[in-house]
Every structure is written in structure tokens, then in C-alpha cells.
Amino acid sequence: MSADGLSDDLAGVLTGIHRLVRRRLWAGLTKPRLRGAQAELLRVVTERPGIGVSAAAKELYLAANSVSTLVNQLVKAGLLRREADPRDGRVAMLYPTPACRERLRSWDARRTALFHARVRTLAAEDQAALAAALPALRRLAQSLRDTGEAP
């Protein structure tokens, strides 16, 4: 298989897996679904409590005004807390709420359970092939992070 063919197949498979996982996990939700950008922002804020809107926008490759809109939605939903930076009152610092942490913890636990259940159904050689591919997939993910925006 050529590098171009591999790239196309890999992109299609990863997109399909991501979509299927979301749909499976959404099926059991009792709370309103978060949009992708909302969930990504919650993860960034949880990983870096006190991050500012501009820094979060840069990390997510979104416009600051788009992140500001997401922040307003998530503050209203009780998932983020916004505080003025004591050094510069014009700058908002973002913090996850306990509800945010619980929501992400629950999602992660459900996602982990789903993958555990599905991977266990695969033949041993398929499990080994997936394990062998993980280092290359991690390097691909790092390469995507390092290059930033799309080509």
C-alpha cells in the first residue's frame, strides 16, 4: 500500500472509530450532549486550571471570540468557573467545576469500558497488531501537534 493510500485509509478508520465511540457513549447520557469544541475546552481547562481564554484558544486552534462564546455557555451550564486575573482584571482565568470533573471522569470511564469490551472480542493477533501500532500512532499524533494547523 502506498503512503497516500495508507494515509487515506487511516484517516477514514480513525474518523469512523471516533464517530462510533461518540454515538455509543451518547446513547447512555442522561445530560445534554456537549459539542466537540465544548468538550475539548473542558479538557484543556481541566489539564491547565487557571488558563486564560487566549491561551486556550491558541491550544485549541480557535479564535478567541469563539472560545469566549464557549466559556459563556459552559459557565452557564455550571461546568466552568471564570475568575478575573488578579494581575490584570481584563483577563479571565478559567477553572473546572466539580460538575465538569465528574462529567469528564464519567465519560472517560464509559469510554474505557467500551474499548475494553470491544478489544477483548478481537483475536489475539489483532490485539497484538493494535499494540504494535500504538508507538507509531503516538508519533503521528505528536507530529500533528508539532505542525499545528492543517497543511
N, C-alpha and C. Protein backbone atom coordinates (compact mmCIF):
# COMPACT_ATOMS: atom_id res chain seq x y z
N MET A 1 0.85 -1.18 0.00
CA MET A 1 0.00 0.00 0.00
C MET A 1 0.90 1.24 0.00
N SER A 2 0.54 2.23 -0.80
CA SER A 2 1.31 3.46 -0.87
C SER A 2 1.08 4.31 0.38
N ALA A 3 1.97 5.27 0.60
CA ALA A 3 1.81 6.17 1.75
C ALA A 3 0.51 6.96 1.63
N ASP A 4 0.14 7.36 0.43
CA ASP A 4 -1.11 8.10 0.24
C ASP A 4 -2.32 7.22 0.54
N GLY A 5 -2.27 5.97 0.09
CA GLY A 5 -3.36 5.05 0.37
C GLY A 5 -3.48 4.77 1.86
N LEU A 6 -2.33 4.58 2.51
CA LEU A 6 -2.32 4.36 3.96
C LEU A 6 -2.90 5.57 4.68
N SER A 7 -2.49 6.76 4.27
CA SER A 7 -2.99 7.99 4.90
C SER A 7 -4.50 8.10 4.78
N ASP A 8 -5.01 7.85 3.58
CA ASP A 8 -6.46 7.93 3.35
C ASP A 8 -7.21 6.90 4.19
N ASP A 9 -6.71 5.66 4.19
CA ASP A 9 -7.38 4.60 4.95
C ASP A 9 -7.32 4.88 6.45
N LEU A 10 -6.16 5.31 6.92
CA LEU A 10 -6.01 5.60 8.35
C LEU A 10 -6.93 6.74 8.78
N ALA A 11 -6.97 7.80 8.00
CA ALA A 11 -7.85 8.94 8.34
C ALA A 11 -9.31 8.49 8.38
N GLY A 12 -9.71 7.68 7.41
CA GLY A 12 -11.08 7.20 7.38
C GLY A 12 -11.42 6.30 8.56
N VAL A 13 -10.52 5.38 8.89
CA VAL A 13 -10.76 4.46 10.00
C VAL A 13 -10.81 5.22 11.33
N LEU A 14 -9.86 6.13 11.54
CA LEU A 14 -9.84 6.88 12.81
C LEU A 14 -11.09 7.75 12.96
N THR A 15 -11.49 8.39 11.88
CA THR A 15 -12.71 9.21 11.92
C THR A 15 -13.92 8.34 12.22
N GLY A 16 -14.00 7.20 11.58
CA GLY A 16 -15.12 6.29 11.81
C GLY A 16 -15.16 5.78 13.24
N ILE A 17 -14.01 5.41 13.78
CA ILE A 17 -13.95 4.94 15.17
C ILE A 17 -14.39 6.05 16.10
N HIS A 18 -13.89 7.25 15.89
CA HIS A 18 -14.25 8.38 16.75
C HIS A 18 -15.77 8.62 16.72
N ARG A 19 -16.34 8.60 15.55
CA ARG A 19 -17.79 8.82 15.40
C ARG A 19 -18.58 7.72 16.10
N LEU A 20 -18.17 6.46 15.90
CA LEU A 20 -18.89 5.34 16.52
C LEU A 20 -18.79 5.37 18.04
N VAL A 21 -17.63 5.71 18.55
CA VAL A 21 -17.47 5.79 20.01
C VAL A 21 -18.38 6.87 20.57
N ARG A 22 -18.37 8.05 19.95
CA ARG A 22 -19.26 9.14 20.41
C ARG A 22 -20.71 8.69 20.43
N ARG A 23 -21.15 8.07 19.35
CA ARG A 23 -22.56 7.64 19.26
C ARG A 23 -22.89 6.62 20.34
N ARG A 24 -22.00 5.67 20.57
CA ARG A 24 -22.24 4.66 21.61
C ARG A 24 -22.33 5.33 22.99
N LEU A 25 -21.43 6.26 23.24
CA LEU A 25 -21.41 6.91 24.55
C LEU A 25 -22.57 7.88 24.72
N TRP A 26 -22.96 8.54 23.65
CA TRP A 26 -24.10 9.46 23.73
C TRP A 26 -25.38 8.71 24.08
N ALA A 27 -25.49 7.47 23.60
CA ALA A 27 -26.72 6.70 23.80
C ALA A 27 -27.07 6.56 25.28
N GLY A 28 -26.10 6.54 26.16
CA GLY A 28 -26.39 6.35 27.58
C GLY A 28 -26.37 7.62 28.40
N LEU A 29 -26.29 8.77 27.74
CA LEU A 29 -26.21 10.02 28.50
C LEU A 29 -27.56 10.43 29.07
N THR A 30 -27.52 10.95 30.28
CA THR A 30 -28.74 11.48 30.89
C THR A 30 -28.73 13.00 30.87
N LYS A 31 -27.58 13.60 30.54
CA LYS A 31 -27.45 15.05 30.47
C LYS A 31 -27.30 15.46 29.01
N PRO A 32 -27.55 16.73 28.72
CA PRO A 32 -27.38 17.18 27.33
C PRO A 32 -25.95 16.94 26.84
N ARG A 33 -25.84 16.58 25.56
CA ARG A 33 -24.52 16.33 24.97
C ARG A 33 -23.72 17.62 24.89
N LEU A 34 -22.43 17.46 25.06
CA LEU A 34 -21.51 18.58 24.81
C LEU A 34 -21.07 18.51 23.36
N ARG A 35 -20.96 19.67 22.72
CA ARG A 35 -20.39 19.72 21.39
C ARG A 35 -18.89 19.45 21.50
N GLY A 36 -18.29 19.04 20.41
CA GLY A 36 -16.87 18.69 20.41
C GLY A 36 -15.98 19.77 20.97
N ALA A 37 -16.19 21.01 20.53
CA ALA A 37 -15.34 22.12 20.99
C ALA A 37 -15.55 22.39 22.48
N GLN A 38 -16.77 22.20 22.97
CA GLN A 38 -17.02 22.38 24.40
C GLN A 38 -16.25 21.34 25.21
N ALA A 39 -16.32 20.10 24.79
CA ALA A 39 -15.61 19.03 25.50
C ALA A 39 -14.10 19.25 25.45
N GLU A 40 -13.60 19.68 24.30
CA GLU A 40 -12.16 19.94 24.17
C GLU A 40 -11.73 21.06 25.10
N LEU A 41 -12.54 22.11 25.19
CA LEU A 41 -12.21 23.22 26.09
C LEU A 41 -12.22 22.74 27.54
N LEU A 42 -13.21 21.94 27.92
CA LEU A 42 -13.25 21.42 29.29
C LEU A 42 -12.00 20.61 29.60
N ARG A 43 -11.53 19.82 28.65
CA ARG A 43 -10.31 19.03 28.87
C ARG A 43 -9.10 19.93 29.04
N VAL A 44 -8.99 20.95 28.21
CA VAL A 44 -7.85 21.88 28.31
C VAL A 44 -7.86 22.57 29.68
N VAL A 45 -9.02 23.05 30.10
CA VAL A 45 -9.12 23.76 31.38
C VAL A 45 -8.84 22.81 32.54
N THR A 46 -9.29 21.57 32.44
CA THR A 46 -9.05 20.60 33.49
C THR A 46 -7.56 20.26 33.59
N GLU A 47 -6.89 20.18 32.45
CA GLU A 47 -5.46 19.89 32.43
C GLU A 47 -4.63 21.09 32.87
N ARG A 48 -5.15 22.30 32.64
CA ARG A 48 -4.40 23.53 32.97
C ARG A 48 -5.30 24.53 33.67
N PRO A 49 -5.71 24.23 34.91
CA PRO A 49 -6.59 25.16 35.63
C PRO A 49 -5.95 26.55 35.71
N GLY A 50 -6.78 27.58 35.50
CA GLY A 50 -6.29 28.95 35.53
C GLY A 50 -5.85 29.46 34.16
N ILE A 51 -5.96 28.62 33.14
CA ILE A 51 -5.60 29.03 31.78
C ILE A 51 -6.50 30.19 31.36
N GLY A 52 -5.96 31.10 30.58
CA GLY A 52 -6.74 32.21 30.06
C GLY A 52 -7.44 31.85 28.77
N VAL A 53 -8.38 32.67 28.38
CA VAL A 53 -9.14 32.43 27.15
C VAL A 53 -8.22 32.43 25.94
N SER A 54 -7.30 33.39 25.87
CA SER A 54 -6.39 33.47 24.71
C SER A 54 -5.50 32.24 24.60
N ALA A 55 -4.97 31.79 25.72
CA ALA A 55 -4.10 30.60 25.71
C ALA A 55 -4.91 29.36 25.33
N ALA A 56 -6.13 29.26 25.83
CA ALA A 56 -6.98 28.12 25.48
C ALA A 56 -7.31 28.16 23.99
N ALA A 57 -7.59 29.33 23.46
CA ALA A 57 -7.89 29.48 22.04
C ALA A 57 -6.70 29.03 21.20
N LYS A 58 -5.52 29.44 21.61
CA LYS A 58 -4.32 29.06 20.88
C LYS A 58 -4.13 27.54 20.91
N GLU A 59 -4.33 26.95 22.06
CA GLU A 59 -4.16 25.50 22.19
C GLU A 59 -5.18 24.72 21.37
N LEU A 60 -6.37 25.27 21.24
CA LEU A 60 -7.45 24.60 20.50
C LEU A 60 -7.50 25.00 19.03
N TYR A 61 -6.63 25.94 18.62
CA TYR A 61 -6.63 26.45 17.25
C TYR A 61 -7.99 27.06 16.89
N LEU A 62 -8.52 27.84 17.83
CA LEU A 62 -9.79 28.53 17.63
C LEU A 62 -9.58 30.03 17.85
N ALA A 63 -10.48 30.81 17.32
CA ALA A 63 -10.45 32.26 17.56
C ALA A 63 -10.83 32.52 19.02
N ALA A 64 -10.23 33.55 19.60
CA ALA A 64 -10.50 33.88 20.99
C ALA A 64 -11.98 34.17 21.23
N ASN A 65 -12.64 34.85 20.26
CA ASN A 65 -14.06 35.14 20.46
C ASN A 65 -14.91 33.87 20.43
N SER A 66 -14.48 32.85 19.69
CA SER A 66 -15.18 31.57 19.68
C SER A 66 -15.04 30.88 21.04
N VAL A 67 -13.85 30.92 21.59
CA VAL A 67 -13.62 30.32 22.91
C VAL A 67 -14.39 31.09 23.97
N SER A 68 -14.45 32.39 23.83
CA SER A 68 -15.22 33.22 24.75
C SER A 68 -16.69 32.81 24.76
N THR A 69 -17.23 32.54 23.58
CA THR A 69 -18.62 32.09 23.47
C THR A 69 -18.78 30.73 24.16
N LEU A 70 -17.83 29.82 23.93
CA LEU A 70 -17.88 28.51 24.58
C LEU A 70 -17.80 28.65 26.10
N VAL A 71 -16.93 29.53 26.57
CA VAL A 71 -16.79 29.77 28.01
C VAL A 71 -18.12 30.23 28.59
N ASN A 72 -18.77 31.18 27.93
CA ASN A 72 -20.07 31.67 28.42
C ASN A 72 -21.08 30.52 28.53
N GLN A 73 -21.12 29.66 27.52
CA GLN A 73 -22.04 28.52 27.54
C GLN A 73 -21.73 27.57 28.69
N LEU A 74 -20.44 27.30 28.89
CA LEU A 74 -20.04 26.33 29.90
C LEU A 74 -20.13 26.88 31.32
N VAL A 75 -19.95 28.19 31.47
CA VAL A 75 -20.17 28.82 32.77
C VAL A 75 -21.66 28.74 33.12
N LYS A 76 -22.51 29.06 32.15
CA LYS A 76 -23.95 29.00 32.35
C LYS A 76 -24.41 27.58 32.71
N ALA A 77 -23.75 26.57 32.11
CA ALA A 77 -24.10 25.17 32.37
C ALA A 77 -23.50 24.66 33.69
N GLY A 78 -22.70 25.49 34.35
CA GLY A 78 -22.10 25.09 35.63
C GLY A 78 -20.89 24.19 35.50
N LEU A 79 -20.27 24.19 34.31
CA LEU A 79 -19.12 23.32 34.09
C LEU A 79 -17.78 24.05 34.17
N LEU A 80 -17.79 25.36 34.03
CA LEU A 80 -16.58 26.17 34.17
C LEU A 80 -16.84 27.31 35.13
N ARG A 81 -15.76 27.74 35.76
CA ARG A 81 -15.79 28.92 36.62
C ARG A 81 -14.79 29.92 36.02
N ARG A 82 -15.21 31.18 35.93
CA ARG A 82 -14.37 32.23 35.35
C ARG A 82 -14.02 33.20 36.47
N GLU A 83 -12.74 33.52 36.60
CA GLU A 83 -12.29 34.49 37.59
C GLU A 83 -11.40 35.52 36.92
N ALA A 84 -11.43 36.73 37.42
CA ALA A 84 -10.54 37.77 36.90
C ALA A 84 -9.12 37.48 37.39
N ASP A 85 -8.16 37.67 36.51
CA ASP A 85 -6.75 37.51 36.87
C ASP A 85 -6.40 38.64 37.83
N PRO A 86 -5.84 38.31 39.01
CA PRO A 86 -5.52 39.36 39.98
C PRO A 86 -4.47 40.36 39.47
N ARG A 87 -3.66 39.96 38.48
CA ARG A 87 -2.64 40.85 37.92
C ARG A 87 -3.20 41.74 36.83
N ASP A 88 -4.28 41.28 36.19
CA ASP A 88 -4.89 42.06 35.11
C ASP A 88 -6.37 41.69 35.06
N GLY A 89 -7.20 42.53 35.62
CA GLY A 89 -8.63 42.27 35.74
C GLY A 89 -9.35 42.09 34.42
N ARG A 90 -8.71 42.48 33.31
CA ARG A 90 -9.34 42.30 32.00
C ARG A 90 -9.21 40.87 31.49
N VAL A 91 -8.33 40.10 32.12
CA VAL A 91 -8.05 38.73 31.68
C VAL A 91 -8.84 37.74 32.54
N ALA A 92 -9.54 36.83 31.89
CA ALA A 92 -10.30 35.80 32.60
C ALA A 92 -9.46 34.54 32.75
N MET A 93 -9.46 34.01 33.96
CA MET A 93 -8.82 32.72 34.24
C MET A 93 -9.93 31.70 34.37
N LEU A 94 -9.72 30.52 33.80
CA LEU A 94 -10.77 29.50 33.74
C LEU A 94 -10.42 28.31 34.64
N TYR A 95 -11.45 27.82 35.32
CA TYR A 95 -11.29 26.69 36.23
C TYR A 95 -12.44 25.70 36.03
N PRO A 96 -12.13 24.40 36.12
CA PRO A 96 -13.20 23.41 36.02
C PRO A 96 -13.99 23.38 37.33
N THR A 97 -15.27 23.14 37.25
CA THR A 97 -16.09 22.97 38.45
C THR A 97 -16.10 21.48 38.81
N PRO A 98 -16.55 21.15 40.01
CA PRO A 98 -16.70 19.73 40.35
C PRO A 98 -17.60 19.00 39.35
N ALA A 99 -18.65 19.67 38.86
CA ALA A 99 -19.54 19.04 37.87
C ALA A 99 -18.78 18.72 36.58
N CYS A 100 -17.87 19.59 36.19
CA CYS A 100 -17.05 19.37 35.00
C CYS A 100 -16.16 18.15 35.21
N ARG A 101 -15.49 18.11 36.33
CA ARG A 101 -14.58 16.98 36.60
C ARG A 101 -15.35 15.66 36.62
N GLU A 102 -16.52 15.67 37.22
CA GLU A 102 -17.34 14.46 37.28
C GLU A 102 -17.82 14.05 35.89
N ARG A 103 -18.21 15.01 35.10
CA ARG A 103 -18.69 14.71 33.75
C ARG A 103 -17.58 14.10 32.90
N LEU A 104 -16.38 14.68 32.97
CA LEU A 104 -15.25 14.14 32.20
C LEU A 104 -14.84 12.77 32.74
N ARG A 105 -14.85 12.61 34.07
CA ARG A 105 -14.49 11.33 34.67
C ARG A 105 -15.47 10.24 34.22
N SER A 106 -16.75 10.56 34.23
CA SER A 106 -17.77 9.60 33.82
C SER A 106 -17.60 9.23 32.34
N TRP A 107 -17.41 10.23 31.49
CA TRP A 107 -17.20 9.99 30.05
C TRP A 107 -15.99 9.09 29.83
N ASP A 108 -14.88 9.43 30.51
CA ASP A 108 -13.65 8.64 30.34
C ASP A 108 -13.85 7.20 30.81
N ALA A 109 -14.54 7.03 31.92
CA ALA A 109 -14.78 5.68 32.44
C ALA A 109 -15.64 4.88 31.47
N ARG A 110 -16.66 5.50 30.92
CA ARG A 110 -17.53 4.82 29.96
C ARG A 110 -16.77 4.49 28.67
N ARG A 111 -15.93 5.43 28.23
CA ARG A 111 -15.14 5.19 27.01
C ARG A 111 -14.16 4.04 27.24
N THR A 112 -13.50 4.04 28.40
CA THR A 112 -12.56 2.96 28.73
C THR A 112 -13.28 1.62 28.76
N ALA A 113 -14.44 1.56 29.39
CA ALA A 113 -15.20 0.31 29.45
C ALA A 113 -15.59 -0.16 28.05
N LEU A 114 -16.00 0.77 27.20
CA LEU A 114 -16.37 0.41 25.83
C LEU A 114 -15.19 -0.19 25.09
N PHE A 115 -14.03 0.45 25.17
CA PHE A 115 -12.85 -0.07 24.48
C PHE A 115 -12.41 -1.40 25.07
N HIS A 116 -12.42 -1.52 26.39
CA HIS A 116 -12.05 -2.81 27.00
C HIS A 116 -12.93 -3.92 26.46
N ALA A 117 -14.22 -3.68 26.44
CA ALA A 117 -15.17 -4.70 25.98
C ALA A 117 -14.93 -5.05 24.52
N ARG A 118 -14.70 -4.04 23.67
CA ARG A 118 -14.56 -4.30 22.24
C ARG A 118 -13.21 -4.93 21.92
N VAL A 119 -12.13 -4.47 22.56
CA VAL A 119 -10.81 -5.04 22.27
C VAL A 119 -10.75 -6.50 22.71
N ARG A 120 -11.42 -6.82 23.81
CA ARG A 120 -11.44 -8.23 24.28
C ARG A 120 -12.08 -9.17 23.26
N THR A 121 -12.93 -8.65 22.40
CA THR A 121 -13.59 -9.52 21.41
C THR A 121 -12.70 -9.81 20.21
N LEU A 122 -11.60 -9.08 20.08
CA LEU A 122 -10.71 -9.27 18.94
C LEU A 122 -9.81 -10.49 19.16
N ALA A 123 -9.41 -11.08 18.06
CA ALA A 123 -8.46 -12.20 18.12
C ALA A 123 -7.13 -11.70 18.70
N ALA A 124 -6.38 -12.62 19.30
CA ALA A 124 -5.10 -12.27 19.93
C ALA A 124 -4.16 -11.59 18.94
N GLU A 125 -4.16 -12.04 17.67
CA GLU A 125 -3.25 -11.42 16.70
C GLU A 125 -3.69 -9.99 16.36
N ASP A 126 -4.99 -9.72 16.38
CA ASP A 126 -5.46 -8.35 16.16
C ASP A 126 -5.09 -7.46 17.35
N GLN A 127 -5.22 -7.99 18.56
CA GLN A 127 -4.82 -7.23 19.74
C GLN A 127 -3.32 -6.92 19.68
N ALA A 128 -2.52 -7.89 19.27
CA ALA A 128 -1.08 -7.68 19.16
C ALA A 128 -0.76 -6.65 18.08
N ALA A 129 -1.48 -6.69 16.96
CA ALA A 129 -1.24 -5.72 15.89
C ALA A 129 -1.57 -4.31 16.36
N LEU A 130 -2.67 -4.16 17.10
CA LEU A 130 -3.02 -2.84 17.64
C LEU A 130 -1.96 -2.36 18.63
N ALA A 131 -1.50 -3.24 19.49
CA ALA A 131 -0.46 -2.87 20.45
C ALA A 131 0.82 -2.45 19.73
N ALA A 132 1.17 -3.16 18.67
CA ALA A 132 2.39 -2.83 17.91
C ALA A 132 2.25 -1.49 17.19
N ALA A 133 1.02 -1.13 16.82
CA ALA A 133 0.80 0.13 16.09
C ALA A 133 0.79 1.35 17.01
N LEU A 134 0.59 1.16 18.31
CA LEU A 134 0.47 2.31 19.22
C LEU A 134 1.66 3.27 19.19
N PRO A 135 2.92 2.80 19.22
CA PRO A 135 4.02 3.77 19.16
C PRO A 135 3.98 4.64 17.89
N ALA A 136 3.68 4.04 16.75
CA ALA A 136 3.60 4.81 15.50
C ALA A 136 2.43 5.80 15.55
N LEU A 137 1.31 5.39 16.11
CA LEU A 137 0.15 6.29 16.23
C LEU A 137 0.47 7.45 17.17
N ARG A 138 1.20 7.17 18.24
CA ARG A 138 1.61 8.26 19.15
C ARG A 138 2.54 9.24 18.44
N ARG A 139 3.47 8.73 17.64
CA ARG A 139 4.37 9.62 16.88
C ARG A 139 3.57 10.44 15.86
N LEU A 140 2.58 9.83 15.23
CA LEU A 140 1.72 10.57 14.29
C LEU A 140 0.98 11.68 15.03
N ALA A 141 0.43 11.36 16.20
CA ALA A 141 -0.28 12.38 16.99
C ALA A 141 0.67 13.51 17.38
N GLN A 142 1.89 13.18 17.78
CA GLN A 142 2.87 14.22 18.14
C GLN A 142 3.22 15.07 16.93
N SER A 143 3.36 14.44 15.77
CA SER A 143 3.66 15.18 14.55
C SER A 143 2.54 16.15 14.21
N LEU A 144 1.29 15.71 14.41
CA LEU A 144 0.15 16.61 14.16
C LEU A 144 0.16 17.78 15.14
N ARG A 145 0.50 17.50 16.40
CA ARG A 145 0.59 18.60 17.39
C ARG A 145 1.71 19.58 17.03
N ASP A 146 2.84 19.03 16.60
CA ASP A 146 4.01 19.86 16.30
C ASP A 146 3.80 20.77 15.09
N THR A 147 3.02 20.32 14.12
CA THR A 147 2.84 21.10 12.90
C THR A 147 1.71 22.11 13.02
N GLY A 148 0.87 21.98 14.02
CA GLY A 148 -0.21 22.96 14.21
C GLY A 148 -1.33 22.78 13.22
N GLU A 149 -1.66 23.86 12.54
CA GLU A 149 -2.81 23.88 11.62
C GLU A 149 -2.61 22.95 10.43
N ALA A 150 -3.69 22.70 9.72
CA ALA A 150 -3.68 21.83 8.53
C ALA A 150 -2.72 22.36 7.48
N PRO A 151 -2.30 21.48 6.55
CA PRO A 151 -1.29 21.84 5.55
C PRO A 151 -1.71 23.05 4.82
